[in-house]
Amino acid sequence: MSTKYAYLGPAGTFTEAALLQITKSEDQLTPYANVTAALNAVRNGECEKALVPIENSVEGVVARTLDELAMGKPLVITAETTLPVSFSLMSLPATDKSQIKTIATHPHAESQCRAYIAKNFPHAEIIETPSTAAAAKGLTEGKYDAAIAASIAAKNYGLKVIAENIGDNENAITRFVLVEQPGANSKSTGNDRTSMAVFIAIDHAGALLEILTEFAKHNVNLSFIQSRPTGRELGHYHFIIDAEGHVDDAAVNGAISGLRNICEDIRFLGSYPRAK
């Protein structure tokens, strides 16, 4: 039986490559223009699951994904996967390197190729796109002179690769999360991650310490913590937290119970196996 998946498109994105790692040939993979659209496809029932990027080892978090999971209509993470990322500079077949004055790509890709751009195209205008594959697709429509994307995008859109492996860090890795409607659960495997959004009522001295103390009391290690604005007012933040362990583990469950006594709200984002 096939499963319908949404992912950050268009075809040729790193997200698609990551999704191919965890799907079967009979599954239906549908690209969406941005993270919100991919997640909304699950929310409105168009797809059963969606894969979106959440964190890069070089650039850091994907803010849109964090904000959608914490503040949008609830979804839960049921799995994660990682993918090494490598960038290529590409153009239309007839374009000469000397003609490149505008380069399009996703902001995370641009930030990971700054040294190459500064050395080879110091005066080029950088144009932001929703994804690297969108940059490649737009290139075929004559919107700019070159694009930075995965090499597979050049193959998909009939583009010429000018340079490969142009990233500043050869070991760059992106983490992706698979999300579903609330109610979907992953069983404990002994090597899990639990994600949550933690909201405090009033910001005060020691607020973060109080949160961290609950995890320390139960001997739960944190692998990720990020503050994000709630949008209510200037200075009002919530925390996105990844803890090692499963919500069914006594230690993790105890820490979450303790947090409920000191926090305004906690949104459970899922317990799921950690990527190998």
C-alpha atoms as a PDB file:
ATOM      1  CA  MET A   1       0.000   0.000   0.000  1.00  0.00           C
ATOM      2  CA  SER A   2       1.419   3.375  -1.020  1.00  0.00           C
ATOM      3  CA  THR A   3       1.751   6.420   1.218  1.00  0.00           C
ATOM      4  CA  LYS A   4       1.293  10.036   0.109  1.00  0.00           C
ATOM      5  CA  TYR A   5       4.229  12.257   1.076  1.00  0.00           C
ATOM      6  CA  ALA A   6       4.604  16.023   0.796  1.00  0.00           C
ATOM      7  CA  TYR A   7       8.053  17.596   0.642  1.00  0.00           C
ATOM      8  CA  LEU A   8       9.794  20.917   0.079  1.00  0.00           C
ATOM      9  CA  GLY A   9      10.036  21.144  -3.702  1.00  0.00           C
ATOM     10  CA  PRO A  10      10.283  21.476  -6.573  1.00  0.00           C
ATOM     11  CA  ALA A  11      11.812  18.227  -7.820  1.00  0.00           C
ATOM     12  CA  GLY A  12      15.552  18.107  -7.289  1.00  0.00           C
ATOM     13  CA  THR A  13      15.745  19.554  -3.765  1.00  0.00           C
ATOM     14  CA  PHE A  14      17.871  18.042  -1.020  1.00  0.00           C
ATOM     15  CA  THR A  15      14.579  17.328   0.737  1.00  0.00           C
ATOM     16  CA  GLU A  16      13.507  15.090  -2.113  1.00  0.00           C
ATOM     17  CA  ALA A  17      16.851  13.265  -1.969  1.00  0.00           C
ATOM     18  CA  ALA A  18      16.394  12.768   1.786  1.00  0.00           C
ATOM     19  CA  LEU A  19      12.827  11.548   1.298  1.00  0.00           C
ATOM     20  CA  LEU A  20      13.945   8.958  -1.242  1.00  0.00           C
ATOM     21  CA  GLN A  21      16.075   7.443   1.523  1.00  0.00           C
ATOM     22  CA  ILE A  22      13.031   6.536   3.609  1.00  0.00           C
ATOM     23  CA  THR A  23      10.267   5.819   1.083  1.00  0.00           C
ATOM     24  CA  LYS A  24       9.325   2.921  -1.170  1.00  0.00           C
ATOM     25  CA  SER A  25       9.054   2.948  -4.942  1.00  0.00           C
ATOM     26  CA  GLU A  26       5.256   2.708  -4.821  1.00  0.00           C
ATOM     27  CA  ASP A  27       4.865   5.751  -2.535  1.00  0.00           C
ATOM     28  CA  GLN A  28       3.531   9.041  -3.966  1.00  0.00           C
ATOM     29  CA  LEU A  29       5.885  12.019  -3.497  1.00  0.00           C
ATOM     30  CA  THR A  30       4.416  15.483  -4.107  1.00  0.00           C
ATOM     31  CA  PRO A  31       6.564  18.657  -4.076  1.00  0.00           C
ATOM     32  CA  TYR A  32       5.304  21.900  -2.500  1.00  0.00           C
ATOM     33  CA  ALA A  33       6.609  25.425  -2.948  1.00  0.00           C
ATOM     34  CA  ASN A  34       7.638  26.022   0.679  1.00  0.00           C
ATOM     35  CA  VAL A  35       7.720  24.464   4.150  1.00  0.00           C
ATOM     36  CA  THR A  36       4.334  25.868   5.170  1.00  0.00           C
ATOM     37  CA  ALA A  37       2.640  24.486   2.067  1.00  0.00           C
ATOM     38  CA  ALA A  38       4.180  21.037   2.612  1.00  0.00           C
ATOM     39  CA  LEU A  39       3.012  20.947   6.236  1.00  0.00           C
ATOM     40  CA  ASN A  40      -0.425  22.264   5.322  1.00  0.00           C
ATOM     41  CA  ALA A  41      -0.781  19.366   2.899  1.00  0.00           C
ATOM     42  CA  VAL A  42      -0.738  17.074   5.942  1.00  0.00           C
ATOM     43  CA  ARG A  43      -2.971  19.363   7.983  1.00  0.00           C
ATOM     44  CA  ASN A  44      -5.690  19.435   5.319  1.00  0.00           C
ATOM     45  CA  GLY A  45      -5.436  15.752   4.440  1.00  0.00           C
ATOM     46  CA  GLU A  46      -3.885  16.061   0.966  1.00  0.00           C
ATOM     47  CA  CYS A  47      -0.940  13.933   2.146  1.00  0.00           C
ATOM     48  CA  GLU A  48      -0.359  11.569   5.047  1.00  0.00           C
ATOM     49  CA  LYS A  49       3.177  12.691   5.850  1.00  0.00           C
ATOM     50  CA  ALA A  50       5.560  15.537   5.036  1.00  0.00           C
ATOM     51  CA  LEU A  51       9.345  15.808   5.101  1.00  0.00           C
ATOM     52  CA  VAL A  52      10.890  19.217   5.781  1.00  0.00           C
ATOM     53  CA  PRO A  53      14.378  20.449   6.748  1.00  0.00           C
ATOM     54  CA  ILE A  54      14.837  21.526  10.361  1.00  0.00           C
ATOM     55  CA  GLU A  55      18.561  21.972  11.009  1.00  0.00           C
ATOM     56  CA  ASN A  56      21.858  22.281   9.156  1.00  0.00           C
ATOM     57  CA  SER A  57      25.254  21.597  10.712  1.00  0.00           C
ATOM     58  CA  VAL A  58      26.679  24.823   9.261  1.00  0.00           C
ATOM     59  CA  GLU A  59      23.842  27.347   9.004  1.00  0.00           C
ATOM     60  CA  GLY A  60      21.820  26.191  12.021  1.00  0.00           C
ATOM     61  CA  VAL A  61      18.045  25.985  12.337  1.00  0.00           C
ATOM     62  CA  VAL A  62      15.401  26.343   9.645  1.00  0.00           C
ATOM     63  CA  ALA A  63      13.319  28.985  11.408  1.00  0.00           C
ATOM     64  CA  ARG A  64      10.203  28.478   9.312  1.00  0.00           C
ATOM     65  CA  THR A  65      10.014  24.803  10.236  1.00  0.00           C
ATOM     66  CA  LEU A  66      10.478  25.528  13.952  1.00  0.00           C
ATOM     67  CA  ASP A  67       7.817  28.249  13.913  1.00  0.00           C
ATOM     68  CA  GLU A  68       5.307  26.114  12.013  1.00  0.00           C
ATOM     69  CA  LEU A  69       5.711  23.196  14.423  1.00  0.00           C
ATOM     70  CA  ALA A  70       5.527  25.379  17.532  1.00  0.00           C
ATOM     71  CA  MET A  71       2.872  27.897  16.509  1.00  0.00           C
ATOM     72  CA  GLY A  72       0.924  26.408  13.591  1.00  0.00           C
ATOM     73  CA  LYS A  73      -1.877  23.866  13.680  1.00  0.00           C
ATOM     74  CA  PRO A  74      -0.431  20.915  15.652  1.00  0.00           C
ATOM     75  CA  LEU A  75       1.552  18.163  13.931  1.00  0.00           C
ATOM     76  CA  VAL A  76       3.915  15.570  15.386  1.00  0.00           C
ATOM     77  CA  ILE A  77       7.339  14.372  14.308  1.00  0.00           C
ATOM     78  CA  THR A  78       7.472  10.608  13.826  1.00  0.00           C
ATOM     79  CA  ALA A  79      10.902  10.162  12.231  1.00  0.00           C
ATOM     80  CA  GLU A  80      14.026  11.983  11.137  1.00  0.00           C
ATOM     81  CA  THR A  81      16.739  11.487   8.571  1.00  0.00           C
ATOM     82  CA  THR A  82      19.987  13.239   7.668  1.00  0.00           C
ATOM     83  CA  LEU A  83      21.685  13.963   4.356  1.00  0.00           C
ATOM     84  CA  PRO A  84      25.173  15.243   3.472  1.00  0.00           C
ATOM     85  CA  VAL A  85      24.741  18.318   1.263  1.00  0.00           C
ATOM     86  CA  SER A  86      26.962  19.312  -1.644  1.00  0.00           C
ATOM     87  CA  PHE A  87      26.399  22.376  -3.826  1.00  0.00           C
ATOM     88  CA  SER A  88      27.077  23.072  -7.500  1.00  0.00           C
ATOM     89  CA  LEU A  89      27.043  26.269  -9.540  1.00  0.00           C
ATOM     90  CA  MET A  90      25.012  25.876 -12.733  1.00  0.00           C
ATOM     91  CA  SER A  91      23.818  27.923 -15.690  1.00  0.00           C
ATOM     92  CA  LEU A  92      22.097  27.586 -19.033  1.00  0.00           C
ATOM     93  CA  PRO A  93      24.275  25.666 -21.536  1.00  0.00           C
ATOM     94  CA  ALA A  94      25.028  28.793 -23.585  1.00  0.00           C
ATOM     95  CA  THR A  95      26.024  30.975 -20.616  1.00  0.00           C
ATOM     96  CA  ASP A  96      29.709  31.761 -20.154  1.00  0.00           C
ATOM     97  CA  LYS A  97      31.132  32.119 -16.651  1.00  0.00           C
ATOM     98  CA  SER A  98      32.127  35.714 -17.418  1.00  0.00           C
ATOM     99  CA  GLN A  99      28.482  36.588 -18.078  1.00  0.00           C
ATOM    100  CA  ILE A 100      27.274  35.725 -14.588  1.00  0.00           C
ATOM    101  CA  LYS A 101      26.012  38.815 -12.777  1.00  0.00           C
ATOM    102  CA  THR A 102      23.118  37.305 -10.783  1.00  0.00           C
ATOM    103  CA  ILE A 103      23.106  34.044  -8.785  1.00  0.00           C
ATOM    104  CA  ALA A 104      19.971  32.543  -7.273  1.00  0.00           C
ATOM    105  CA  THR A 105      19.761  30.065  -4.410  1.00  0.00           C
ATOM    106  CA  HIS A 106      18.218  29.356  -1.017  1.00  0.00           C
ATOM    107  CA  PRO A 107      19.613  31.517   1.853  1.00  0.00           C
ATOM    108  CA  HIS A 108      21.057  28.466   3.644  1.00  0.00           C
ATOM    109  CA  ALA A 109      22.906  27.428   0.494  1.00  0.00           C
ATOM    110  CA  GLU A 110      24.240  30.949  -0.041  1.00  0.00           C
ATOM    111  CA  SER A 111      25.581  31.090   3.492  1.00  0.00           C
ATOM    112  CA  GLN A 112      27.401  27.786   2.981  1.00  0.00           C
ATOM    113  CA  CYS A 113      29.043  28.940  -0.281  1.00  0.00           C
ATOM    114  CA  ARG A 114      30.080  32.472   0.696  1.00  0.00           C
ATOM    115  CA  ALA A 115      33.812  31.895   0.346  1.00  0.00           C
ATOM    116  CA  TYR A 116      33.407  30.506  -3.180  1.00  0.00           C
ATOM    117  CA  ILE A 117      31.091  33.356  -4.208  1.00  0.00           C
ATOM    118  CA  ALA A 118      33.365  36.013  -2.700  1.00  0.00           C
ATOM    119  CA  LYS A 119      36.399  34.621  -4.511  1.00  0.00           C
ATOM    120  CA  ASN A 120      34.852  33.924  -7.914  1.00  0.00           C
ATOM    121  CA  PHE A 121      31.862  36.275  -8.184  1.00  0.00           C
ATOM    122  CA  PRO A 122      32.479  39.121  -5.706  1.00  0.00           C
ATOM    123  CA  HIS A 123      30.152  41.538  -7.520  1.00  0.00           C
ATOM    124  CA  ALA A 124      27.311  39.139  -8.311  1.00  0.00           C
ATOM    125  CA  GLU A 125      23.834  39.911  -6.977  1.00  0.00           C
ATOM    126  CA  ILE A 126      22.439  37.063  -4.852  1.00  0.00           C
ATOM    127  CA  ILE A 127      18.742  36.361  -5.402  1.00  0.00           C
ATOM    128  CA  GLU A 128      16.859  34.452  -2.706  1.00  0.00           C
ATOM    129  CA  THR A 129      14.608  31.527  -3.679  1.00  0.00           C
ATOM    130  CA  PRO A 130      12.369  29.161  -1.612  1.00  0.00           C
ATOM    131  CA  SER A 131      14.674  26.206  -2.346  1.00  0.00           C
ATOM    132  CA  THR A 132      17.816  25.391  -4.294  1.00  0.00           C
ATOM    133  CA  ALA A 133      15.787  23.440  -6.848  1.00  0.00           C
ATOM    134  CA  ALA A 134      13.486  26.448  -7.303  1.00  0.00           C
ATOM    135  CA  ALA A 135      16.609  28.420  -8.199  1.00  0.00           C
ATOM    136  CA  ALA A 136      17.524  25.847 -10.841  1.00  0.00           C
ATOM    137  CA  LYS A 137      13.988  25.830 -12.219  1.00  0.00           C
ATOM    138  CA  GLY A 138      13.884  29.630 -12.377  1.00  0.00           C
ATOM    139  CA  LEU A 139      17.156  29.600 -14.264  1.00  0.00           C
ATOM    140  CA  THR A 140      15.459  27.771 -17.145  1.00  0.00           C
ATOM    141  CA  GLU A 141      12.952  30.625 -17.298  1.00  0.00           C
ATOM    142  CA  GLY A 142      15.713  33.217 -17.738  1.00  0.00           C
ATOM    143  CA  LYS A 143      15.180  34.906 -14.382  1.00  0.00           C
ATOM    144  CA  TYR A 144      18.908  35.132 -13.583  1.00  0.00           C
ATOM    145  CA  ASP A 145      22.322  34.058 -14.867  1.00  0.00           C
ATOM    146  CA  ALA A 146      23.241  31.166 -12.557  1.00  0.00           C
ATOM    147  CA  ALA A 147      21.986  29.083  -9.652  1.00  0.00           C
ATOM    148  CA  ILE A 148      23.472  27.181  -6.723  1.00  0.00           C
ATOM    149  CA  ALA A 149      21.761  23.835  -6.173  1.00  0.00           C
ATOM    150  CA  ALA A 150      22.323  20.099  -5.969  1.00  0.00           C
ATOM    151  CA  SER A 151      23.892  18.527  -9.046  1.00  0.00           C
ATOM    152  CA  ILE A 152      20.730  16.475  -9.593  1.00  0.00           C
ATOM    153  CA  ALA A 153      18.858  19.724 -10.263  1.00  0.00           C
ATOM    154  CA  ALA A 154      21.141  20.419 -13.248  1.00  0.00           C
ATOM    155  CA  LYS A 155      20.267  17.010 -14.640  1.00  0.00           C
ATOM    156  CA  ASN A 156      16.545  17.525 -14.037  1.00  0.00           C
ATOM    157  CA  TYR A 157      16.432  20.900 -15.795  1.00  0.00           C
ATOM    158  CA  GLY A 158      19.056  20.424 -18.513  1.00  0.00           C
ATOM    159  CA  LEU A 159      21.575  22.868 -17.037  1.00  0.00           C
ATOM    160  CA  LYS A 160      25.347  23.100 -17.314  1.00  0.00           C
ATOM    161  CA  VAL A 161      27.379  22.523 -14.130  1.00  0.00           C
ATOM    162  CA  ILE A 162      30.112  25.149 -13.931  1.00  0.00           C
ATOM    163  CA  ALA A 163      31.612  24.020 -10.616  1.00  0.00           C
ATOM    164  CA  GLU A 164      30.899  21.211  -8.157  1.00  0.00           C
ATOM    165  CA  ASN A 165      31.423  20.905  -4.386  1.00  0.00           C
ATOM    166  CA  ILE A 166      31.581  24.660  -3.880  1.00  0.00           C
ATOM    167  CA  GLY A 167      30.464  24.585  -0.244  1.00  0.00           C
ATOM    168  CA  ASP A 168      32.767  26.071   2.378  1.00  0.00           C
ATOM    169  CA  ASN A 169      32.393  22.981   4.582  1.00  0.00           C
ATOM    170  CA  GLU A 170      32.718  19.567   2.959  1.00  0.00           C
ATOM    171  CA  ASN A 171      31.094  17.868   5.965  1.00  0.00           C
ATOM    172  CA  ALA A 172      27.835  19.836   5.919  1.00  0.00           C
ATOM    173  CA  ILE A 173      24.791  17.773   6.914  1.00  0.00           C
ATOM    174  CA  THR A 174      21.108  18.678   7.013  1.00  0.00           C
ATOM    175  CA  ARG A 175      18.573  17.047   9.348  1.00  0.00           C
ATOM    176  CA  PHE A 176      15.007  16.535   8.123  1.00  0.00           C
ATOM    177  CA  VAL A 177      11.901  15.613  10.110  1.00  0.00           C
ATOM    178  CA  LEU A 178       8.923  13.556   8.996  1.00  0.00           C
ATOM    179  CA  VAL A 179       5.643  14.913  10.370  1.00  0.00           C
ATOM    180  CA  GLU A 180       2.115  13.536  10.585  1.00  0.00           C
ATOM    181  CA  GLN A 181      -1.242  14.393  12.121  1.00  0.00           C
ATOM    182  CA  PRO A 182      -1.382  14.258  15.957  1.00  0.00           C
ATOM    183  CA  GLY A 183      -2.073  10.755  17.209  1.00  0.00           C
ATOM    184  CA  ALA A 184       0.652   9.140  15.165  1.00  0.00           C
ATOM    185  CA  ASN A 185       3.260   7.710  17.516  1.00  0.00           C
ATOM    186  CA  SER A 186       6.639   6.028  17.179  1.00  0.00           C
ATOM    187  CA  LYS A 187       7.479   3.271  19.642  1.00  0.00           C
ATOM    188  CA  SER A 188      10.505   3.512  21.893  1.00  0.00           C
ATOM    189  CA  THR A 189      13.647   2.045  20.313  1.00  0.00           C
ATOM    190  CA  GLY A 190      16.214   2.843  22.996  1.00  0.00           C
ATOM    191  CA  ASN A 191      17.786   5.487  20.760  1.00  0.00           C
ATOM    192  CA  ASP A 192      15.139   8.175  20.519  1.00  0.00           C
ATOM    193  CA  ARG A 193      14.646  11.912  20.519  1.00  0.00           C
ATOM    194  CA  THR A 194      11.743  13.845  22.061  1.00  0.00           C
ATOM    195  CA  SER A 195      10.906  17.306  20.744  1.00  0.00           C
ATOM    196  CA  MET A 196       8.750  19.943  22.397  1.00  0.00           C
ATOM    197  CA  ALA A 197       7.933  23.643  22.394  1.00  0.00           C
ATOM    198  CA  VAL A 198       8.007  25.172  25.886  1.00  0.00           C
ATOM    199  CA  PHE A 199       6.210  28.452  26.652  1.00  0.00           C
ATOM    200  CA  ILE A 200       6.800  30.561  29.754  1.00  0.00           C
ATOM    201  CA  ALA A 201       4.070  32.906  31.036  1.00  0.00           C
ATOM    202  CA  ILE A 202       6.283  35.862  31.932  1.00  0.00           C
ATOM    203  CA  ASP A 203       9.930  36.249  31.032  1.00  0.00           C
ATOM    204  CA  HIS A 204      11.986  36.561  34.197  1.00  0.00           C
ATOM    205  CA  ALA A 205      15.507  36.053  35.502  1.00  0.00           C
ATOM    206  CA  GLY A 206      16.225  32.352  35.813  1.00  0.00           C
ATOM    207  CA  ALA A 207      13.382  31.194  33.518  1.00  0.00           C
ATOM    208  CA  LEU A 208      15.691  29.159  31.287  1.00  0.00           C
ATOM    209  CA  LEU A 209      17.546  27.806  34.320  1.00  0.00           C
ATOM    210  CA  GLU A 210      14.258  26.550  35.784  1.00  0.00           C
ATOM    211  CA  ILE A 211      13.542  24.669  32.552  1.00  0.00           C
ATOM    212  CA  LEU A 212      17.031  23.182  32.351  1.00  0.00           C
ATOM    213  CA  THR A 213      16.909  22.176  36.000  1.00  0.00           C
ATOM    214  CA  GLU A 214      13.895  19.911  35.384  1.00  0.00           C
ATOM    215  CA  PHE A 215      15.858  17.960  32.794  1.00  0.00           C
ATOM    216  CA  ALA A 216      18.964  17.850  34.983  1.00  0.00           C
ATOM    217  CA  LYS A 217      16.950  16.549  37.965  1.00  0.00           C
ATOM    218  CA  HIS A 218      15.811  13.597  35.869  1.00  0.00           C
ATOM    219  CA  ASN A 219      19.208  13.068  34.236  1.00  0.00           C
ATOM    220  CA  VAL A 220      17.877  13.836  30.737  1.00  0.00           C
ATOM    221  CA  ASN A 221      20.395  15.179  28.245  1.00  0.00           C
ATOM    222  CA  LEU A 222      19.384  17.881  25.781  1.00  0.00           C
ATOM    223  CA  SER A 223      20.692  17.746  22.211  1.00  0.00           C
ATOM    224  CA  PHE A 224      19.083  20.975  21.001  1.00  0.00           C
ATOM    225  CA  ILE A 225      17.567  24.157  22.428  1.00  0.00           C
ATOM    226  CA  GLN A 226      16.518  27.251  20.508  1.00  0.00           C
ATOM    227  CA  SER A 227      14.560  30.337  21.522  1.00  0.00           C
ATOM    228  CA  ARG A 228      12.024  31.757  19.060  1.00  0.00           C
ATOM    229  CA  PRO A 229       9.711  34.783  19.315  1.00  0.00           C
ATOM    230  CA  THR A 230       6.057  33.952  19.913  1.00  0.00           C
ATOM    231  CA  GLY A 231       4.847  36.941  17.913  1.00  0.00           C
ATOM    232  CA  ARG A 232       2.711  38.183  20.803  1.00  0.00           C
ATOM    233  CA  GLU A 233       4.957  41.093  21.710  1.00  0.00           C
ATOM    234  CA  LEU A 234       8.582  42.172  21.610  1.00  0.00           C
ATOM    235  CA  GLY A 235      10.669  40.110  24.041  1.00  0.00           C
ATOM    236  CA  HIS A 236       8.185  37.232  24.390  1.00  0.00           C
ATOM    237  CA  TYR A 237       9.846  33.933  23.477  1.00  0.00           C
ATOM    238  CA  HIS A 238       9.326  30.184  23.617  1.00  0.00           C
ATOM    239  CA  PHE A 239      11.912  27.413  23.526  1.00  0.00           C
ATOM    240  CA  ILE A 240      12.178  24.517  21.092  1.00  0.00           C
ATOM    241  CA  ILE A 241      13.864  21.614  22.895  1.00  0.00           C
ATOM    242  CA  ASP A 242      15.142  18.211  21.789  1.00  0.00           C
ATOM    243  CA  ALA A 243      15.768  15.771  24.622  1.00  0.00           C
ATOM    244  CA  GLU A 244      17.447  12.392  24.404  1.00  0.00           C
ATOM    245  CA  GLY A 245      14.980   9.593  25.125  1.00  0.00           C
ATOM    246  CA  HIS A 246      11.342   8.732  24.503  1.00  0.00           C
ATOM    247  CA  VAL A 247       8.275  10.240  26.172  1.00  0.00           C
ATOM    248  CA  ASP A 248       7.463   6.737  27.460  1.00  0.00           C
ATOM    249  CA  ASP A 249      10.801   6.661  29.321  1.00  0.00           C
ATOM    250  CA  ALA A 250      10.324   7.435  33.018  1.00  0.00           C
ATOM    251  CA  ALA A 251      13.048  10.093  33.019  1.00  0.00           C
ATOM    252  CA  VAL A 252      11.722  12.046  30.038  1.00  0.00           C
ATOM    253  CA  ASN A 253       8.136  11.742  31.236  1.00  0.00           C
ATOM    254  CA  GLY A 254       9.154  12.970  34.678  1.00  0.00           C
ATOM    255  CA  ALA A 255      10.962  15.983  33.239  1.00  0.00           C
ATOM    256  CA  ILE A 256       7.930  16.940  31.139  1.00  0.00           C
ATOM    257  CA  SER A 257       5.642  16.577  34.159  1.00  0.00           C
ATOM    258  CA  GLY A 258       7.921  18.910  36.088  1.00  0.00           C
ATOM    259  CA  LEU A 259       7.870  21.448  33.268  1.00  0.00           C
ATOM    260  CA  ARG A 260       4.070  21.538  33.321  1.00  0.00           C
ATOM    261  CA  ASN A 261       4.265  22.910  36.866  1.00  0.00           C
ATOM    262  CA  ILE A 262       6.414  25.882  35.881  1.00  0.00           C
ATOM    263  CA  CYS A 263       5.491  26.617  32.240  1.00  0.00           C
ATOM    264  CA  GLU A 264       2.462  28.302  30.717  1.00  0.00           C
ATOM    265  CA  ASP A 265       2.187  25.616  28.067  1.00  0.00           C
ATOM    266  CA  ILE A 266       4.077  22.719  26.478  1.00  0.00           C
ATOM    267  CA  ARG A 267       3.444  21.512  22.950  1.00  0.00           C
ATOM    268  CA  PHE A 268       4.586  17.936  22.485  1.00  0.00           C
ATOM    269  CA  LEU A 269       6.189  17.649  19.031  1.00  0.00           C
ATOM    270  CA  GLY A 270       6.884  13.926  19.068  1.00  0.00           C
ATOM    271  CA  SER A 271       9.152  11.091  20.215  1.00  0.00           C
ATOM    272  CA  TYR A 272      10.903   9.294  17.372  1.00  0.00           C
ATOM    273  CA  PRO A 273      14.007   7.242  16.518  1.00  0.00           C
ATOM    274  CA  ARG A 274      17.196   9.261  16.104  1.00  0.00           C
ATOM    275  CA  ALA A 275      18.771   9.161  12.665  1.00  0.00           C
ATOM    276  CA  LYS A 276      21.677   6.724  12.415  1.00  0.00           C
END
